[in-house]
Amino acid sequence: MQKIILVTGSTDGIGLATAKMLVSQGHHVLLHGRNPVKLEETERILSGLSGGGSFESYVADLSVMDDVTALANAVADRNPKLDVLINNAGVYRSSNQITNAGLDVRFAVNTIAPYLLTQGLMPLLGTSGRVINLSSAAQSSVDPKAFAGKVELSDFEAYAQSKLALTMWSRSMALSLRNDGPAIIAVNPGSMLGSKMVKDAFGVAGGDIRIGADILCRAALSDEFAAASGQYFDNDAGRFASPHSDALDPQKSEEVVRVIERVLVEMMQSDNNPD
């Protein structure tokens, strides 16, 4: 049966490889990218695939929360339901480390945007959908001040904290929803795969990108993940495993959620009360 699947960050790396696999399997893929030119190139690539799948495209800058909300609304306008949301888009470093809203761009894109997008698409996902959040083997205890770039962090430390924060809210949201929402699963797709991010960050070619795409497709579609809401899959180990211990601490996870919610409320208030 054809599924409707949104893959954020689907113009390169694991996201593009995942979109190619899903279209080749006959699914309807909602492509997302920040750059319209790269989205057009992705469409050309997918148009050459066999398998009977289809696609449509959306442009949004996930470091801008208004764009995230607009993306959710646009998806809802064009689709009566959504079977799977794959929050794949991520940032390791940026020339503009702080967004116009005063957020560290790594936390904005890697943590807050997927949270807001998931909330916005919840009505389309219903209780039968899945949310697959791209986590990482790099996970480090979260300093709440880091969300607003108020502490000095290396690129790696900011990335590791933002990915643990994503893993923490994934588990917290899953446990709070129980059977009243989609399954929410955090997945480490594999370490040092050959994405642009790995090449830029570490200067190495990395491993076969299809390893990451394959596990994201499995997480999105296979029965083995159907009852895995709130769990963490470590593709380095090839199994469900324990994430960083902080993600298993309800109080710490709830604190991360509170920080995210506070950031979003403050941004909304700022938008409603411009200088």
C-alpha atoms as a PDB file:
ATOM      1  CA  MET A   1       0.000   0.000   0.000  1.00  0.00           C
ATOM      2  CA  GLN A   2       1.324   3.426  -0.938  1.00  0.00           C
ATOM      3  CA  LYS A   3       2.252   5.645   2.014  1.00  0.00           C
ATOM      4  CA  ILE A   4       2.484   9.433   2.154  1.00  0.00           C
ATOM      5  CA  ILE A   5       5.852  10.288   3.710  1.00  0.00           C
ATOM      6  CA  LEU A   6       7.455  13.674   4.409  1.00  0.00           C
ATOM      7  CA  VAL A   7      11.269  13.644   4.462  1.00  0.00           C
ATOM      8  CA  THR A   8      12.825  16.901   5.649  1.00  0.00           C
ATOM      9  CA  GLY A   9      16.217  17.742   4.243  1.00  0.00           C
ATOM     10  CA  SER A  10      15.652  15.513   1.235  1.00  0.00           C
ATOM     11  CA  THR A  11      17.866  17.288  -1.317  1.00  0.00           C
ATOM     12  CA  ASP A  12      21.131  15.577  -0.341  1.00  0.00           C
ATOM     13  CA  GLY A  13      22.755  13.019   1.943  1.00  0.00           C
ATOM     14  CA  ILE A  14      20.674  10.499   3.829  1.00  0.00           C
ATOM     15  CA  GLY A  15      17.494  12.437   3.089  1.00  0.00           C
ATOM     16  CA  LEU A  16      17.956  12.206  -0.683  1.00  0.00           C
ATOM     17  CA  ALA A  17      18.950   8.532  -0.497  1.00  0.00           C
ATOM     18  CA  THR A  18      15.844   7.847   1.616  1.00  0.00           C
ATOM     19  CA  ALA A  19      13.563   9.708  -0.798  1.00  0.00           C
ATOM     20  CA  LYS A  20      15.001   7.705  -3.705  1.00  0.00           C
ATOM     21  CA  MET A  21      14.371   4.410  -1.887  1.00  0.00           C
ATOM     22  CA  LEU A  22      10.817   5.357  -0.963  1.00  0.00           C
ATOM     23  CA  VAL A  23       9.870   6.549  -4.458  1.00  0.00           C
ATOM     24  CA  SER A  24      11.405   3.382  -5.922  1.00  0.00           C
ATOM     25  CA  GLN A  25       9.171   1.381  -3.568  1.00  0.00           C
ATOM     26  CA  GLY A  26       6.060   3.128  -4.894  1.00  0.00           C
ATOM     27  CA  HIS A  27       5.384   5.641  -2.112  1.00  0.00           C
ATOM     28  CA  HIS A  28       4.323   9.286  -2.356  1.00  0.00           C
ATOM     29  CA  VAL A  29       7.171  11.350  -0.941  1.00  0.00           C
ATOM     30  CA  LEU A  30       6.872  14.942   0.207  1.00  0.00           C
ATOM     31  CA  LEU A  31      10.266  16.465  -0.495  1.00  0.00           C
ATOM     32  CA  HIS A  32      11.600  19.340   1.560  1.00  0.00           C
ATOM     33  CA  GLY A  33      14.556  21.632   1.077  1.00  0.00           C
ATOM     34  CA  ARG A  34      15.709  25.147   1.768  1.00  0.00           C
ATOM     35  CA  ASN A  35      17.035  25.759  -1.749  1.00  0.00           C
ATOM     36  CA  PRO A  36      14.507  25.732  -4.633  1.00  0.00           C
ATOM     37  CA  VAL A  37      17.233  24.970  -7.178  1.00  0.00           C
ATOM     38  CA  LYS A  38      18.353  21.879  -5.254  1.00  0.00           C
ATOM     39  CA  LEU A  39      14.727  20.783  -4.936  1.00  0.00           C
ATOM     40  CA  GLU A  40      14.314  21.013  -8.698  1.00  0.00           C
ATOM     41  CA  GLU A  41      17.429  18.895  -9.173  1.00  0.00           C
ATOM     42  CA  THR A  42      16.060  16.353  -6.685  1.00  0.00           C
ATOM     43  CA  GLU A  43      12.827  16.192  -8.671  1.00  0.00           C
ATOM     44  CA  ARG A  44      14.812  15.490 -11.853  1.00  0.00           C
ATOM     45  CA  ILE A  45      16.674  12.662 -10.107  1.00  0.00           C
ATOM     46  CA  LEU A  46      13.480  11.098  -8.775  1.00  0.00           C
ATOM     47  CA  SER A  47      11.704  11.463 -12.116  1.00  0.00           C
ATOM     48  CA  GLY A  48      14.182   9.001 -13.590  1.00  0.00           C
ATOM     49  CA  LEU A  49      13.387   6.240 -11.108  1.00  0.00           C
ATOM     50  CA  SER A  50      11.141   3.266 -11.729  1.00  0.00           C
ATOM     51  CA  GLY A  51       8.821   1.810  -9.119  1.00  0.00           C
ATOM     52  CA  GLY A  52       5.658   3.834  -9.523  1.00  0.00           C
ATOM     53  CA  GLY A  53       6.263   6.303  -6.700  1.00  0.00           C
ATOM     54  CA  SER A  54       5.431  10.003  -6.814  1.00  0.00           C
ATOM     55  CA  PHE A  55       6.501  13.191  -5.095  1.00  0.00           C
ATOM     56  CA  GLU A  56       5.772  16.839  -4.416  1.00  0.00           C
ATOM     57  CA  SER A  57       8.065  19.564  -3.085  1.00  0.00           C
ATOM     58  CA  TYR A  58       8.100  22.164  -0.325  1.00  0.00           C
ATOM     59  CA  VAL A  59      10.542  24.992   0.341  1.00  0.00           C
ATOM     60  CA  ALA A  60      11.213  26.027   3.946  1.00  0.00           C
ATOM     61  CA  ASP A  61      14.121  27.267   6.059  1.00  0.00           C
ATOM     62  CA  LEU A  62      13.920  25.181   9.240  1.00  0.00           C
ATOM     63  CA  SER A  63      15.998  27.700  11.184  1.00  0.00           C
ATOM     64  CA  VAL A  64      12.999  30.056  10.886  1.00  0.00           C
ATOM     65  CA  MET A  65      10.059  28.871  12.968  1.00  0.00           C
ATOM     66  CA  ASP A  66       7.529  30.799  10.861  1.00  0.00           C
ATOM     67  CA  ASP A  67       8.747  28.728   7.907  1.00  0.00           C
ATOM     68  CA  VAL A  68       8.269  25.548   9.932  1.00  0.00           C
ATOM     69  CA  THR A  69       4.674  26.478  10.714  1.00  0.00           C
ATOM     70  CA  ALA A  70       4.082  27.418   7.082  1.00  0.00           C
ATOM     71  CA  LEU A  71       5.488  24.048   5.989  1.00  0.00           C
ATOM     72  CA  ALA A  72       3.077  22.184   8.271  1.00  0.00           C
ATOM     73  CA  ASN A  73       0.172  24.243   6.961  1.00  0.00           C
ATOM     74  CA  ALA A  74       1.172  23.715   3.321  1.00  0.00           C
ATOM     75  CA  VAL A  75       1.436  19.955   3.799  1.00  0.00           C
ATOM     76  CA  ALA A  76      -1.995  19.906   5.459  1.00  0.00           C
ATOM     77  CA  ASP A  77      -3.505  21.981   2.630  1.00  0.00           C
ATOM     78  CA  ARG A  78      -2.342  19.492  -0.010  1.00  0.00           C
ATOM     79  CA  ASN A  79      -2.713  16.178   1.801  1.00  0.00           C
ATOM     80  CA  PRO A  80      -5.667  14.694   3.709  1.00  0.00           C
ATOM     81  CA  LYS A  81      -3.328  12.590   5.845  1.00  0.00           C
ATOM     82  CA  LEU A  82       0.341  11.860   6.501  1.00  0.00           C
ATOM     83  CA  ASP A  83       1.528   8.336   7.215  1.00  0.00           C
ATOM     84  CA  VAL A  84       5.118   9.118   8.200  1.00  0.00           C
ATOM     85  CA  LEU A  85       7.148  12.194   9.098  1.00  0.00           C
ATOM     86  CA  ILE A  86      10.913  11.678   8.868  1.00  0.00           C
ATOM     87  CA  ASN A  87      12.657  14.566  10.628  1.00  0.00           C
ATOM     88  CA  ASN A  88      15.968  14.157   8.827  1.00  0.00           C
ATOM     89  CA  ALA A  89      17.187  17.723   8.259  1.00  0.00           C
ATOM     90  CA  GLY A  90      20.151  18.700  10.402  1.00  0.00           C
ATOM     91  CA  VAL A  91      22.971  21.210  10.795  1.00  0.00           C
ATOM     92  CA  TYR A  92      26.483  20.621  12.130  1.00  0.00           C
ATOM     93  CA  ARG A  93      27.971  24.061  11.541  1.00  0.00           C
ATOM     94  CA  SER A  94      26.894  27.280   9.893  1.00  0.00           C
ATOM     95  CA  SER A  95      28.451  30.579   8.895  1.00  0.00           C
ATOM     96  CA  ASN A  96      25.573  32.197  10.789  1.00  0.00           C
ATOM     97  CA  GLN A  97      25.611  30.436  14.143  1.00  0.00           C
ATOM     98  CA  ILE A  98      22.815  32.543  15.687  1.00  0.00           C
ATOM     99  CA  THR A  99      19.469  32.907  13.910  1.00  0.00           C
ATOM    100  CA  ASN A 100      17.600  36.197  13.542  1.00  0.00           C
ATOM    101  CA  ALA A 101      15.423  35.050  16.436  1.00  0.00           C
ATOM    102  CA  GLY A 102      18.477  34.669  18.676  1.00  0.00           C
ATOM    103  CA  LEU A 103      18.712  30.869  18.668  1.00  0.00           C
ATOM    104  CA  ASP A 104      21.738  28.677  18.131  1.00  0.00           C
ATOM    105  CA  VAL A 105      21.108  27.401  14.603  1.00  0.00           C
ATOM    106  CA  ARG A 106      22.013  23.808  15.571  1.00  0.00           C
ATOM    107  CA  PHE A 107      19.299  23.732  18.238  1.00  0.00           C
ATOM    108  CA  ALA A 108      16.855  25.590  15.981  1.00  0.00           C
ATOM    109  CA  VAL A 109      17.155  23.100  13.099  1.00  0.00           C
ATOM    110  CA  ASN A 110      18.058  19.882  14.922  1.00  0.00           C
ATOM    111  CA  THR A 111      15.774  20.157  17.953  1.00  0.00           C
ATOM    112  CA  ILE A 112      13.141  22.891  17.908  1.00  0.00           C
ATOM    113  CA  ALA A 113      12.040  22.748  14.251  1.00  0.00           C
ATOM    114  CA  PRO A 114      11.264  19.003  14.275  1.00  0.00           C
ATOM    115  CA  TYR A 115       9.363  19.455  17.557  1.00  0.00           C
ATOM    116  CA  LEU A 116       7.247  22.263  16.098  1.00  0.00           C
ATOM    117  CA  LEU A 117       6.734  20.440  12.794  1.00  0.00           C
ATOM    118  CA  THR A 118       5.662  17.264  14.583  1.00  0.00           C
ATOM    119  CA  GLN A 119       3.152  19.203  16.664  1.00  0.00           C
ATOM    120  CA  GLY A 120       1.815  20.958  13.583  1.00  0.00           C
ATOM    121  CA  LEU A 121       1.341  17.715  11.653  1.00  0.00           C
ATOM    122  CA  MET A 122      -0.107  15.709  14.535  1.00  0.00           C
ATOM    123  CA  PRO A 123      -3.710  15.898  13.211  1.00  0.00           C
ATOM    124  CA  LEU A 124      -2.596  14.431   9.861  1.00  0.00           C
ATOM    125  CA  LEU A 125      -0.569  11.657  11.490  1.00  0.00           C
ATOM    126  CA  GLY A 126      -3.336  10.529  13.824  1.00  0.00           C
ATOM    127  CA  THR A 127      -2.809   7.407  15.906  1.00  0.00           C
ATOM    128  CA  SER A 128      -1.602   5.208  13.053  1.00  0.00           C
ATOM    129  CA  GLY A 129       1.246   7.413  11.809  1.00  0.00           C
ATOM    130  CA  ARG A 130       4.924   7.410  12.663  1.00  0.00           C
ATOM    131  CA  VAL A 131       7.454  10.122  13.425  1.00  0.00           C
ATOM    132  CA  ILE A 132      11.056   9.078  12.799  1.00  0.00           C
ATOM    133  CA  ASN A 133      13.561  11.492  14.316  1.00  0.00           C
ATOM    134  CA  LEU A 134      17.128  11.383  13.057  1.00  0.00           C
ATOM    135  CA  SER A 135      19.258  11.174  16.181  1.00  0.00           C
ATOM    136  CA  SER A 136      22.974  10.430  16.391  1.00  0.00           C
ATOM    137  CA  ALA A 137      25.564   8.424  18.274  1.00  0.00           C
ATOM    138  CA  ALA A 138      26.849  11.866  19.296  1.00  0.00           C
ATOM    139  CA  GLN A 139      24.806  12.732  22.387  1.00  0.00           C
ATOM    140  CA  SER A 140      25.879  15.048  25.195  1.00  0.00           C
ATOM    141  CA  SER A 141      24.107  16.457  28.261  1.00  0.00           C
ATOM    142  CA  VAL A 142      22.061  19.517  27.363  1.00  0.00           C
ATOM    143  CA  ASP A 143      22.737  22.973  28.767  1.00  0.00           C
ATOM    144  CA  PRO A 144      19.395  24.865  28.459  1.00  0.00           C
ATOM    145  CA  LYS A 145      21.285  28.118  27.873  1.00  0.00           C
ATOM    146  CA  ALA A 146      22.749  26.621  24.703  1.00  0.00           C
ATOM    147  CA  PHE A 147      19.408  26.903  22.901  1.00  0.00           C
ATOM    148  CA  ALA A 148      19.899  30.667  22.760  1.00  0.00           C
ATOM    149  CA  GLY A 149      23.637  30.504  22.091  1.00  0.00           C
ATOM    150  CA  LYS A 150      24.448  31.848  25.562  1.00  0.00           C
ATOM    151  CA  VAL A 151      27.269  29.374  26.190  1.00  0.00           C
ATOM    152  CA  GLU A 152      30.466  28.756  24.230  1.00  0.00           C
ATOM    153  CA  LEU A 153      30.245  25.384  22.518  1.00  0.00           C
ATOM    154  CA  SER A 154      32.297  23.737  19.810  1.00  0.00           C
ATOM    155  CA  ASP A 155      30.483  22.628  16.675  1.00  0.00           C
ATOM    156  CA  PHE A 156      30.620  19.018  17.835  1.00  0.00           C
ATOM    157  CA  GLU A 157      29.349  19.804  21.338  1.00  0.00           C
ATOM    158  CA  ALA A 158      26.448  21.904  20.031  1.00  0.00           C
ATOM    159  CA  TYR A 159      25.533  19.165  17.570  1.00  0.00           C
ATOM    160  CA  ALA A 160      25.745  16.438  20.228  1.00  0.00           C
ATOM    161  CA  GLN A 161      23.613  18.430  22.676  1.00  0.00           C
ATOM    162  CA  SER A 162      21.007  19.258  20.030  1.00  0.00           C
ATOM    163  CA  LYS A 163      20.737  15.593  19.027  1.00  0.00           C
ATOM    164  CA  LEU A 164      20.342  14.442  22.629  1.00  0.00           C
ATOM    165  CA  ALA A 165      17.671  17.124  23.118  1.00  0.00           C
ATOM    166  CA  LEU A 166      15.867  15.706  20.074  1.00  0.00           C
ATOM    167  CA  THR A 167      16.111  12.202  21.499  1.00  0.00           C
ATOM    168  CA  MET A 168      14.832  13.425  24.871  1.00  0.00           C
ATOM    169  CA  TRP A 169      11.745  15.161  23.517  1.00  0.00           C
ATOM    170  CA  SER A 170      11.042  12.172  21.269  1.00  0.00           C
ATOM    171  CA  ARG A 171      10.780   9.870  24.267  1.00  0.00           C
ATOM    172  CA  SER A 172       8.951  12.423  26.416  1.00  0.00           C
ATOM    173  CA  MET A 173       6.339  13.150  23.728  1.00  0.00           C
ATOM    174  CA  ALA A 174       5.858   9.445  22.987  1.00  0.00           C
ATOM    175  CA  LEU A 175       5.264   8.635  26.649  1.00  0.00           C
ATOM    176  CA  SER A 176       2.830  11.532  27.078  1.00  0.00           C
ATOM    177  CA  LEU A 177       0.803  10.582  23.991  1.00  0.00           C
ATOM    178  CA  ARG A 178       0.771   6.820  24.619  1.00  0.00           C
ATOM    179  CA  ASN A 179      -1.939   5.544  22.246  1.00  0.00           C
ATOM    180  CA  ASP A 180      -3.382   8.974  21.475  1.00  0.00           C
ATOM    181  CA  GLY A 181      -0.884   9.914  18.777  1.00  0.00           C
ATOM    182  CA  PRO A 182       1.641   8.585  16.296  1.00  0.00           C
ATOM    183  CA  ALA A 183       4.569   6.365  17.199  1.00  0.00           C
ATOM    184  CA  ILE A 184       7.635   8.536  17.802  1.00  0.00           C
ATOM    185  CA  ILE A 185      11.010   6.842  17.407  1.00  0.00           C
ATOM    186  CA  ALA A 186      14.536   8.271  17.530  1.00  0.00           C
ATOM    187  CA  VAL A 187      17.041   6.583  15.227  1.00  0.00           C
ATOM    188  CA  ASN A 188      20.816   6.801  14.993  1.00  0.00           C
ATOM    189  CA  PRO A 189      21.204   5.982  11.281  1.00  0.00           C
ATOM    190  CA  GLY A 190      24.850   5.009  11.611  1.00  0.00           C
ATOM    191  CA  SER A 191      28.070   6.808  12.447  1.00  0.00           C
ATOM    192  CA  MET A 192      30.306   8.528   9.897  1.00  0.00           C
ATOM    193  CA  LEU A 193      28.166   7.835   6.856  1.00  0.00           C
ATOM    194  CA  GLY A 194      29.115   9.678   3.676  1.00  0.00           C
ATOM    195  CA  SER A 195      26.879  12.716   3.984  1.00  0.00           C
ATOM    196  CA  LYS A 196      27.897  16.280   3.158  1.00  0.00           C
ATOM    197  CA  MET A 197      27.747  16.981   6.887  1.00  0.00           C
ATOM    198  CA  VAL A 198      30.328  14.291   7.683  1.00  0.00           C
ATOM    199  CA  LYS A 199      32.589  15.407   4.839  1.00  0.00           C
ATOM    200  CA  ASP A 200      32.443  19.051   5.960  1.00  0.00           C
ATOM    201  CA  ALA A 201      32.843  18.267   9.647  1.00  0.00           C
ATOM    202  CA  PHE A 202      35.520  15.584   9.574  1.00  0.00           C
ATOM    203  CA  GLY A 203      37.060  15.773   6.126  1.00  0.00           C
ATOM    204  CA  VAL A 204      36.434  12.103   5.314  1.00  0.00           C
ATOM    205  CA  ALA A 205      34.358  10.410   2.633  1.00  0.00           C
ATOM    206  CA  GLY A 206      32.411   8.330   5.158  1.00  0.00           C
ATOM    207  CA  GLY A 207      30.533   5.069   4.742  1.00  0.00           C
ATOM    208  CA  ASP A 208      27.760   4.014   2.381  1.00  0.00           C
ATOM    209  CA  ILE A 209      24.936   6.538   2.735  1.00  0.00           C
ATOM    210  CA  ARG A 210      22.420   3.821   1.846  1.00  0.00           C
ATOM    211  CA  ILE A 211      22.993   2.262   5.282  1.00  0.00           C
ATOM    212  CA  GLY A 212      21.274   5.276   6.833  1.00  0.00           C
ATOM    213  CA  ALA A 213      18.555   5.428   4.209  1.00  0.00           C
ATOM    214  CA  ASP A 214      17.752   1.757   4.649  1.00  0.00           C
ATOM    215  CA  ILE A 215      17.194   2.033   8.402  1.00  0.00           C
ATOM    216  CA  LEU A 216      15.023   5.139   7.980  1.00  0.00           C
ATOM    217  CA  CYS A 217      12.858   3.281   5.460  1.00  0.00           C
ATOM    218  CA  ARG A 218      12.621   0.304   7.815  1.00  0.00           C
ATOM    219  CA  ALA A 219      11.698   2.545  10.729  1.00  0.00           C
ATOM    220  CA  ALA A 220       9.049   4.254   8.620  1.00  0.00           C
ATOM    221  CA  LEU A 221       7.438   1.144   7.174  1.00  0.00           C
ATOM    222  CA  SER A 222       8.340  -2.171   8.814  1.00  0.00           C
ATOM    223  CA  ASP A 223       6.312  -3.992  11.450  1.00  0.00           C
ATOM    224  CA  GLU A 224       9.322  -4.246  13.775  1.00  0.00           C
ATOM    225  CA  PHE A 225       8.927  -0.515  14.543  1.00  0.00           C
ATOM    226  CA  ALA A 226       5.133  -0.480  14.835  1.00  0.00           C
ATOM    227  CA  ALA A 227       5.111  -0.776  18.628  1.00  0.00           C
ATOM    228  CA  ALA A 228       8.414   0.997  19.272  1.00  0.00           C
ATOM    229  CA  SER A 229       7.139   4.444  20.238  1.00  0.00           C
ATOM    230  CA  GLY A 230       9.473   6.104  22.713  1.00  0.00           C
ATOM    231  CA  GLN A 231      12.363   3.810  21.901  1.00  0.00           C
ATOM    232  CA  TYR A 232      15.781   4.532  20.402  1.00  0.00           C
ATOM    233  CA  PHE A 233      17.246   2.472  17.580  1.00  0.00           C
ATOM    234  CA  ASP A 234      21.025   2.387  17.300  1.00  0.00           C
ATOM    235  CA  ASN A 235      21.969   1.352  13.776  1.00  0.00           C
ATOM    236  CA  ASP A 236      25.621   1.062  14.762  1.00  0.00           C
ATOM    237  CA  ALA A 237      24.565  -1.838  16.977  1.00  0.00           C
ATOM    238  CA  GLY A 238      21.737  -2.911  14.668  1.00  0.00           C
ATOM    239  CA  ARG A 239      19.138  -2.989  17.445  1.00  0.00           C
ATOM    240  CA  PHE A 240      17.002  -1.013  19.858  1.00  0.00           C
ATOM    241  CA  ALA A 241      19.275   0.223  22.620  1.00  0.00           C
ATOM    242  CA  SER A 242      19.533   2.717  25.455  1.00  0.00           C
ATOM    243  CA  PRO A 243      20.293   6.301  24.430  1.00  0.00           C
ATOM    244  CA  HIS A 244      22.286   8.656  26.661  1.00  0.00           C
ATOM    245  CA  SER A 245      21.115   8.212  30.259  1.00  0.00           C
ATOM    246  CA  ASP A 246      19.658  11.736  30.336  1.00  0.00           C
ATOM    247  CA  ALA A 247      17.043  10.656  27.781  1.00  0.00           C
ATOM    248  CA  LEU A 248      15.830   8.032  30.245  1.00  0.00           C
ATOM    249  CA  ASP A 249      15.431  10.606  33.031  1.00  0.00           C
ATOM    250  CA  PRO A 250      11.826  11.934  32.926  1.00  0.00           C
ATOM    251  CA  GLN A 251      12.670  15.114  34.822  1.00  0.00           C
ATOM    252  CA  LYS A 252      15.558  16.056  32.535  1.00  0.00           C
ATOM    253  CA  SER A 253      13.512  15.240  29.443  1.00  0.00           C
ATOM    254  CA  GLU A 254      10.571  17.320  30.678  1.00  0.00           C
ATOM    255  CA  GLU A 255      12.950  20.217  31.324  1.00  0.00           C
ATOM    256  CA  VAL A 256      14.124  20.078  27.700  1.00  0.00           C
ATOM    257  CA  VAL A 257      10.482  20.124  26.550  1.00  0.00           C
ATOM    258  CA  ARG A 258       9.780  23.101  28.822  1.00  0.00           C
ATOM    259  CA  VAL A 259      12.742  24.984  27.335  1.00  0.00           C
ATOM    260  CA  ILE A 260      11.517  24.280  23.791  1.00  0.00           C
ATOM    261  CA  GLU A 261       7.984  25.384  24.663  1.00  0.00           C
ATOM    262  CA  ARG A 262       9.287  28.522  26.369  1.00  0.00           C
ATOM    263  CA  VAL A 263      11.383  29.419  23.328  1.00  0.00           C
ATOM    264  CA  LEU A 264       8.376  28.998  21.040  1.00  0.00           C
ATOM    265  CA  VAL A 265       6.105  31.070  23.298  1.00  0.00           C
ATOM    266  CA  GLU A 266       8.690  33.860  23.539  1.00  0.00           C
ATOM    267  CA  MET A 267       9.073  33.899  19.768  1.00  0.00           C
ATOM    268  CA  MET A 268       5.291  34.094  19.308  1.00  0.00           C
ATOM    269  CA  GLN A 269       5.059  36.952  21.796  1.00  0.00           C
ATOM    270  CA  SER A 270       7.883  38.756  20.008  1.00  0.00           C
ATOM    271  CA  ASP A 271       6.095  38.347  16.668  1.00  0.00           C
ATOM    272  CA  ASN A 272       2.870  39.722  18.172  1.00  0.00           C
ATOM    273  CA  ASN A 273       4.650  42.690  19.771  1.00  0.00           C
ATOM    274  CA  PRO A 274       7.174  44.000  17.240  1.00  0.00           C
ATOM    275  CA  ASP A 275       9.287  47.014  18.145  1.00  0.00           C
END
